[in-house]
Amino acid sequence: NRSIEMTTQTNTETVQHGADSGIGEDSTWIARYSLPVATLLAGLFAGFFVAYEISVTRGLAEVDDMTYIQTFQWINATVQTPTFAVIFFGTVPALAIALAFNRRSAKSTVVLLASALVMAIATVAITFAGNVPLNLELAEFETLTPEIAAAARLDALGAPPDATLRRLDDATASCIVFARKLVSKSYAPGLS
């Protein structure tokens, strides 16, 4: 019975926290579900990019230029689905809502949500500023010759494939080091 009382108290505190957040009592369900929804979407969002980097990008680095361009054209044509739209366009608002409703939570929660929000915004901005124009450019190649494909690939990557992968590996390693430092300081201050 003690655990039921504690659960009831925790649920009541969650609802009160949502009601006290300044957004209104009608929004308490948002307070309750904003963090799990944001976590799920952020995980799917990050997972999409990680899986793409560790499998698709590396696989494409090994194929000839014609296959590279044609594969990108098909990927770009087929990725635009409702599921992708919810994940890609829903993550930033979900994180912003979760941050708004959890702004009085533990500092580590606020820092992680704010960091995730900033990184998601940066990812969306980079995608629209860099990747979308490249995707549109690659879509224009209807007739490919080996020479056109080689030039398009070099233009798209800006560097030979192995150099691009090294930069991606460096960026990924930097993110992992940062995340480990952040978590170790948040949960075990003496470990850093």
C-alpha atoms as a PDB file:
ATOM      1  CA  ASN A   1       0.000   0.000   0.000  1.00  0.00           C
ATOM      2  CA  ARG A   2       2.927   2.315   0.645  1.00  0.00           C
ATOM      3  CA  SER A   3       4.021   2.040  -3.007  1.00  0.00           C
ATOM      4  CA  ILE A   4       0.478   2.887  -4.183  1.00  0.00           C
ATOM      5  CA  GLU A   5       0.479   5.970  -1.951  1.00  0.00           C
ATOM      6  CA  MET A   6       3.881   7.030  -3.313  1.00  0.00           C
ATOM      7  CA  THR A   7       2.723   6.489  -6.915  1.00  0.00           C
ATOM      8  CA  THR A   8      -0.432   8.498  -6.256  1.00  0.00           C
ATOM      9  CA  GLN A   9       1.619  11.259  -4.658  1.00  0.00           C
ATOM     10  CA  THR A  10       4.055  11.291  -7.627  1.00  0.00           C
ATOM     11  CA  ASN A  11       1.179  11.411 -10.130  1.00  0.00           C
ATOM     12  CA  THR A  12      -0.473  14.221  -8.174  1.00  0.00           C
ATOM     13  CA  GLU A  13       2.805  16.155  -8.081  1.00  0.00           C
ATOM     14  CA  THR A  14       3.212  15.670 -11.839  1.00  0.00           C
ATOM     15  CA  VAL A  15      -0.287  16.993 -12.505  1.00  0.00           C
ATOM     16  CA  GLN A  16       0.259  19.885 -10.102  1.00  0.00           C
ATOM     17  CA  HIS A  17       3.618  20.643 -11.710  1.00  0.00           C
ATOM     18  CA  GLY A  18       1.911  20.811 -15.110  1.00  0.00           C
ATOM     19  CA  ALA A  19      -0.862  23.014 -13.763  1.00  0.00           C
ATOM     20  CA  ASP A  20       1.678  25.287 -12.050  1.00  0.00           C
ATOM     21  CA  SER A  21       3.763  25.657 -15.211  1.00  0.00           C
ATOM     22  CA  GLY A  22       1.781  28.709 -16.266  1.00  0.00           C
ATOM     23  CA  ILE A  23       0.250  27.089 -19.328  1.00  0.00           C
ATOM     24  CA  GLY A  24      -3.081  26.127 -17.770  1.00  0.00           C
ATOM     25  CA  GLU A  25      -4.856  23.295 -16.008  1.00  0.00           C
ATOM     26  CA  ASP A  26      -6.323  21.945 -19.242  1.00  0.00           C
ATOM     27  CA  SER A  27      -2.787  21.151 -20.331  1.00  0.00           C
ATOM     28  CA  THR A  28      -1.923  18.721 -17.524  1.00  0.00           C
ATOM     29  CA  TRP A  29      -1.988  15.765 -19.927  1.00  0.00           C
ATOM     30  CA  ILE A  30       0.660  17.574 -21.954  1.00  0.00           C
ATOM     31  CA  ALA A  31       2.764  17.947 -18.820  1.00  0.00           C
ATOM     32  CA  ARG A  32       2.440  14.236 -18.148  1.00  0.00           C
ATOM     33  CA  TYR A  33       3.245  13.019 -21.662  1.00  0.00           C
ATOM     34  CA  SER A  34       5.542  15.733 -23.063  1.00  0.00           C
ATOM     35  CA  LEU A  35       8.769  14.203 -21.748  1.00  0.00           C
ATOM     36  CA  PRO A  36       8.095  10.605 -22.890  1.00  0.00           C
ATOM     37  CA  VAL A  37       6.916  11.797 -26.325  1.00  0.00           C
ATOM     38  CA  ALA A  38       9.906  14.125 -26.716  1.00  0.00           C
ATOM     39  CA  THR A  39      12.253  11.342 -25.617  1.00  0.00           C
ATOM     40  CA  LEU A  40      10.738   8.892 -28.099  1.00  0.00           C
ATOM     41  CA  LEU A  41      10.836  11.349 -31.007  1.00  0.00           C
ATOM     42  CA  ALA A  42      14.371  12.531 -30.165  1.00  0.00           C
ATOM     43  CA  GLY A  43      15.532   8.918 -30.002  1.00  0.00           C
ATOM     44  CA  LEU A  44      13.974   8.110 -33.368  1.00  0.00           C
ATOM     45  CA  PHE A  45      15.367  11.355 -34.816  1.00  0.00           C
ATOM     46  CA  ALA A  46      18.902  10.631 -33.609  1.00  0.00           C
ATOM     47  CA  GLY A  47      18.572   6.962 -34.486  1.00  0.00           C
ATOM     48  CA  PHE A  48      17.663   7.819 -38.069  1.00  0.00           C
ATOM     49  CA  PHE A  49      20.805   9.913 -38.493  1.00  0.00           C
ATOM     50  CA  VAL A  50      23.082   7.488 -36.632  1.00  0.00           C
ATOM     51  CA  ALA A  51      21.841   4.489 -38.624  1.00  0.00           C
ATOM     52  CA  TYR A  52      22.236   6.468 -41.825  1.00  0.00           C
ATOM     53  CA  GLU A  53      25.795   7.483 -40.939  1.00  0.00           C
ATOM     54  CA  ILE A  54      26.984   4.062 -39.818  1.00  0.00           C
ATOM     55  CA  SER A  55      25.369   2.054 -42.593  1.00  0.00           C
ATOM     56  CA  VAL A  56      24.126   3.987 -45.632  1.00  0.00           C
ATOM     57  CA  THR A  57      26.944   6.556 -45.783  1.00  0.00           C
ATOM     58  CA  ARG A  58      29.621   3.918 -45.315  1.00  0.00           C
ATOM     59  CA  GLY A  59      27.995   1.616 -47.851  1.00  0.00           C
ATOM     60  CA  LEU A  60      27.719   4.406 -50.406  1.00  0.00           C
ATOM     61  CA  ALA A  61      31.394   5.238 -49.908  1.00  0.00           C
ATOM     62  CA  GLU A  62      32.188   1.824 -51.413  1.00  0.00           C
ATOM     63  CA  VAL A  63      30.100   2.049 -54.616  1.00  0.00           C
ATOM     64  CA  ASP A  64      30.886   3.578 -57.984  1.00  0.00           C
ATOM     65  CA  ASP A  65      29.740   7.111 -58.835  1.00  0.00           C
ATOM     66  CA  MET A  66      26.732   6.061 -60.949  1.00  0.00           C
ATOM     67  CA  THR A  67      25.392   3.798 -58.198  1.00  0.00           C
ATOM     68  CA  TYR A  68      26.033   6.521 -55.619  1.00  0.00           C
ATOM     69  CA  ILE A  69      23.969   9.147 -57.462  1.00  0.00           C
ATOM     70  CA  GLN A  70      21.164   6.747 -58.393  1.00  0.00           C
ATOM     71  CA  THR A  71      20.936   5.414 -54.833  1.00  0.00           C
ATOM     72  CA  PHE A  72      20.737   8.924 -53.407  1.00  0.00           C
ATOM     73  CA  GLN A  73      18.008   9.786 -55.891  1.00  0.00           C
ATOM     74  CA  TRP A  74      15.960   6.783 -54.745  1.00  0.00           C
ATOM     75  CA  ILE A  75      16.601   7.422 -51.056  1.00  0.00           C
ATOM     76  CA  ASN A  76      15.538  11.054 -51.416  1.00  0.00           C
ATOM     77  CA  ALA A  77      12.427  10.034 -53.352  1.00  0.00           C
ATOM     78  CA  THR A  78      11.323   7.370 -50.858  1.00  0.00           C
ATOM     79  CA  VAL A  79      12.223   8.923 -47.484  1.00  0.00           C
ATOM     80  CA  GLN A  80       9.389  11.458 -47.680  1.00  0.00           C
ATOM     81  CA  THR A  81       6.741   9.514 -45.751  1.00  0.00           C
ATOM     82  CA  PRO A  82       4.272  10.479 -43.004  1.00  0.00           C
ATOM     83  CA  THR A  83       6.365   8.559 -40.449  1.00  0.00           C
ATOM     84  CA  PHE A  84       9.509  10.453 -41.412  1.00  0.00           C
ATOM     85  CA  ALA A  85       7.578  13.757 -41.329  1.00  0.00           C
ATOM     86  CA  VAL A  86       6.335  13.129 -37.779  1.00  0.00           C
ATOM     87  CA  ILE A  87       9.834  12.223 -36.581  1.00  0.00           C
ATOM     88  CA  PHE A  88      11.705  14.954 -38.457  1.00  0.00           C
ATOM     89  CA  PHE A  89       9.253  17.826 -38.014  1.00  0.00           C
ATOM     90  CA  GLY A  90       7.826  16.739 -34.643  1.00  0.00           C
ATOM     91  CA  THR A  91      11.032  16.430 -32.637  1.00  0.00           C
ATOM     92  CA  VAL A  92      11.789  20.153 -32.247  1.00  0.00           C
ATOM     93  CA  PRO A  93       8.286  21.138 -31.072  1.00  0.00           C
ATOM     94  CA  ALA A  94       8.099  18.071 -28.798  1.00  0.00           C
ATOM     95  CA  LEU A  95      11.418  18.966 -27.160  1.00  0.00           C
ATOM     96  CA  ALA A  96      10.374  22.618 -26.778  1.00  0.00           C
ATOM     97  CA  ILE A  97       7.095  21.596 -25.122  1.00  0.00           C
ATOM     98  CA  ALA A  98       8.867  19.111 -22.836  1.00  0.00           C
ATOM     99  CA  LEU A  99      11.379  21.784 -21.864  1.00  0.00           C
ATOM    100  CA  ALA A 100       8.585  24.270 -21.110  1.00  0.00           C
ATOM    101  CA  PHE A 101       6.747  21.776 -18.901  1.00  0.00           C
ATOM    102  CA  ASN A 102       9.894  20.496 -17.197  1.00  0.00           C
ATOM    103  CA  ARG A 103      11.721  23.783 -16.667  1.00  0.00           C
ATOM    104  CA  ARG A 104      11.410  23.364 -12.887  1.00  0.00           C
ATOM    105  CA  SER A 105      12.817  19.817 -12.936  1.00  0.00           C
ATOM    106  CA  ALA A 106      16.304  18.775 -11.906  1.00  0.00           C
ATOM    107  CA  LYS A 107      19.058  20.822 -13.518  1.00  0.00           C
ATOM    108  CA  SER A 108      20.343  17.773 -15.404  1.00  0.00           C
ATOM    109  CA  THR A 109      16.911  17.245 -16.998  1.00  0.00           C
ATOM    110  CA  VAL A 110      16.692  20.876 -18.082  1.00  0.00           C
ATOM    111  CA  VAL A 111      20.266  20.843 -19.443  1.00  0.00           C
ATOM    112  CA  LEU A 112      19.697  17.607 -21.375  1.00  0.00           C
ATOM    113  CA  LEU A 113      16.387  18.841 -22.826  1.00  0.00           C
ATOM    114  CA  ALA A 114      17.851  22.206 -23.775  1.00  0.00           C
ATOM    115  CA  SER A 115      20.899  20.544 -25.343  1.00  0.00           C
ATOM    116  CA  ALA A 116      18.727  18.115 -27.270  1.00  0.00           C
ATOM    117  CA  LEU A 117      16.553  20.993 -28.476  1.00  0.00           C
ATOM    118  CA  VAL A 118      19.560  23.027 -29.654  1.00  0.00           C
ATOM    119  CA  MET A 119      21.058  20.008 -31.438  1.00  0.00           C
ATOM    120  CA  ALA A 120      17.735  19.129 -33.084  1.00  0.00           C
ATOM    121  CA  ILE A 121      17.280  22.724 -34.285  1.00  0.00           C
ATOM    122  CA  ALA A 122      20.848  22.710 -35.644  1.00  0.00           C
ATOM    123  CA  THR A 123      20.242  19.390 -37.414  1.00  0.00           C
ATOM    124  CA  VAL A 124      17.046  20.664 -39.045  1.00  0.00           C
ATOM    125  CA  ALA A 125      18.767  23.930 -40.047  1.00  0.00           C
ATOM    126  CA  ILE A 126      21.759  22.104 -41.554  1.00  0.00           C
ATOM    127  CA  THR A 127      19.415  19.755 -43.381  1.00  0.00           C
ATOM    128  CA  PHE A 128      17.446  22.603 -44.939  1.00  0.00           C
ATOM    129  CA  ALA A 129      20.488  24.787 -45.652  1.00  0.00           C
ATOM    130  CA  GLY A 130      22.754  22.067 -47.016  1.00  0.00           C
ATOM    131  CA  ASN A 131      21.171  18.705 -47.639  1.00  0.00           C
ATOM    132  CA  VAL A 132      17.864  19.734 -49.214  1.00  0.00           C
ATOM    133  CA  PRO A 133      19.538  21.862 -51.928  1.00  0.00           C
ATOM    134  CA  LEU A 134      21.948  18.972 -52.655  1.00  0.00           C
ATOM    135  CA  ASN A 135      19.055  16.515 -52.803  1.00  0.00           C
ATOM    136  CA  LEU A 136      17.193  18.756 -55.238  1.00  0.00           C
ATOM    137  CA  GLU A 137      20.336  19.100 -57.343  1.00  0.00           C
ATOM    138  CA  LEU A 138      20.891  15.338 -57.401  1.00  0.00           C
ATOM    139  CA  ALA A 139      17.261  14.777 -58.390  1.00  0.00           C
ATOM    140  CA  GLU A 140      17.803  16.792 -61.578  1.00  0.00           C
ATOM    141  CA  PHE A 141      20.211  14.257 -63.091  1.00  0.00           C
ATOM    142  CA  GLU A 142      18.002  12.145 -65.333  1.00  0.00           C
ATOM    143  CA  THR A 143      20.676  10.951 -67.731  1.00  0.00           C
ATOM    144  CA  LEU A 144      23.919   9.959 -66.082  1.00  0.00           C
ATOM    145  CA  THR A 145      27.264   9.236 -67.598  1.00  0.00           C
ATOM    146  CA  PRO A 146      30.216   8.118 -65.504  1.00  0.00           C
ATOM    147  CA  GLU A 147      31.768  11.587 -65.889  1.00  0.00           C
ATOM    148  CA  ILE A 148      28.605  13.445 -64.829  1.00  0.00           C
ATOM    149  CA  ALA A 149      28.117  11.063 -61.888  1.00  0.00           C
ATOM    150  CA  ALA A 150      31.742  11.542 -60.753  1.00  0.00           C
ATOM    151  CA  ALA A 151      31.425  15.336 -60.914  1.00  0.00           C
ATOM    152  CA  ALA A 152      28.050  15.289 -59.129  1.00  0.00           C
ATOM    153  CA  ARG A 153      29.420  13.046 -56.383  1.00  0.00           C
ATOM    154  CA  LEU A 154      32.477  15.229 -55.837  1.00  0.00           C
ATOM    155  CA  ASP A 155      30.241  18.319 -55.806  1.00  0.00           C
ATOM    156  CA  ALA A 156      27.828  16.704 -53.330  1.00  0.00           C
ATOM    157  CA  LEU A 157      30.539  15.540 -50.931  1.00  0.00           C
ATOM    158  CA  GLY A 158      32.972  18.405 -51.353  1.00  0.00           C
ATOM    159  CA  ALA A 159      35.747  15.879 -50.669  1.00  0.00           C
ATOM    160  CA  PRO A 160      36.580  12.279 -51.498  1.00  0.00           C
ATOM    161  CA  PRO A 161      34.317   9.810 -49.601  1.00  0.00           C
ATOM    162  CA  ASP A 162      36.991   8.611 -47.166  1.00  0.00           C
ATOM    163  CA  ALA A 163      37.797  12.186 -46.044  1.00  0.00           C
ATOM    164  CA  THR A 164      34.103  12.893 -45.450  1.00  0.00           C
ATOM    165  CA  LEU A 165      33.749   9.721 -43.373  1.00  0.00           C
ATOM    166  CA  ARG A 166      36.761  10.708 -41.260  1.00  0.00           C
ATOM    167  CA  ARG A 167      35.103  14.083 -40.509  1.00  0.00           C
ATOM    168  CA  LEU A 168      31.848  12.297 -39.591  1.00  0.00           C
ATOM    169  CA  ASP A 169      33.763   9.928 -37.300  1.00  0.00           C
ATOM    170  CA  ASP A 170      35.499  12.880 -35.615  1.00  0.00           C
ATOM    171  CA  ALA A 171      32.174  14.693 -35.116  1.00  0.00           C
ATOM    172  CA  THR A 172      30.519  11.556 -33.740  1.00  0.00           C
ATOM    173  CA  ALA A 173      33.423  10.945 -31.339  1.00  0.00           C
ATOM    174  CA  SER A 174      33.215  14.561 -30.123  1.00  0.00           C
ATOM    175  CA  CYS A 175      29.488  14.196 -29.410  1.00  0.00           C
ATOM    176  CA  ILE A 176      30.066  10.973 -27.479  1.00  0.00           C
ATOM    177  CA  VAL A 177      32.816  12.561 -25.351  1.00  0.00           C
ATOM    178  CA  PHE A 178      30.582  15.582 -24.638  1.00  0.00           C
ATOM    179  CA  ALA A 179      27.610  13.372 -23.685  1.00  0.00           C
ATOM    180  CA  ARG A 180      29.758  11.251 -21.344  1.00  0.00           C
ATOM    181  CA  LYS A 181      31.109  14.370 -19.625  1.00  0.00           C
ATOM    182  CA  LEU A 182      27.621  15.838 -19.289  1.00  0.00           C
ATOM    183  CA  VAL A 183      26.160  12.648 -17.828  1.00  0.00           C
ATOM    184  CA  SER A 184      29.092  12.047 -15.486  1.00  0.00           C
ATOM    185  CA  LYS A 185      28.860  15.609 -14.114  1.00  0.00           C
ATOM    186  CA  SER A 186      25.071  15.422 -13.781  1.00  0.00           C
ATOM    187  CA  TYR A 187      24.837  12.075 -12.049  1.00  0.00           C
ATOM    188  CA  ALA A 188      28.254  11.540 -10.475  1.00  0.00           C
ATOM    189  CA  PRO A 189      30.045  14.859 -10.002  1.00  0.00           C
ATOM    190  CA  GLY A 190      33.221  13.292  -8.636  1.00  0.00           C
ATOM    191  CA  LEU A 191      33.836  11.071 -11.692  1.00  0.00           C
ATOM    192  CA  SER A 192      34.838  13.662 -14.288  1.00  0.00           C
END
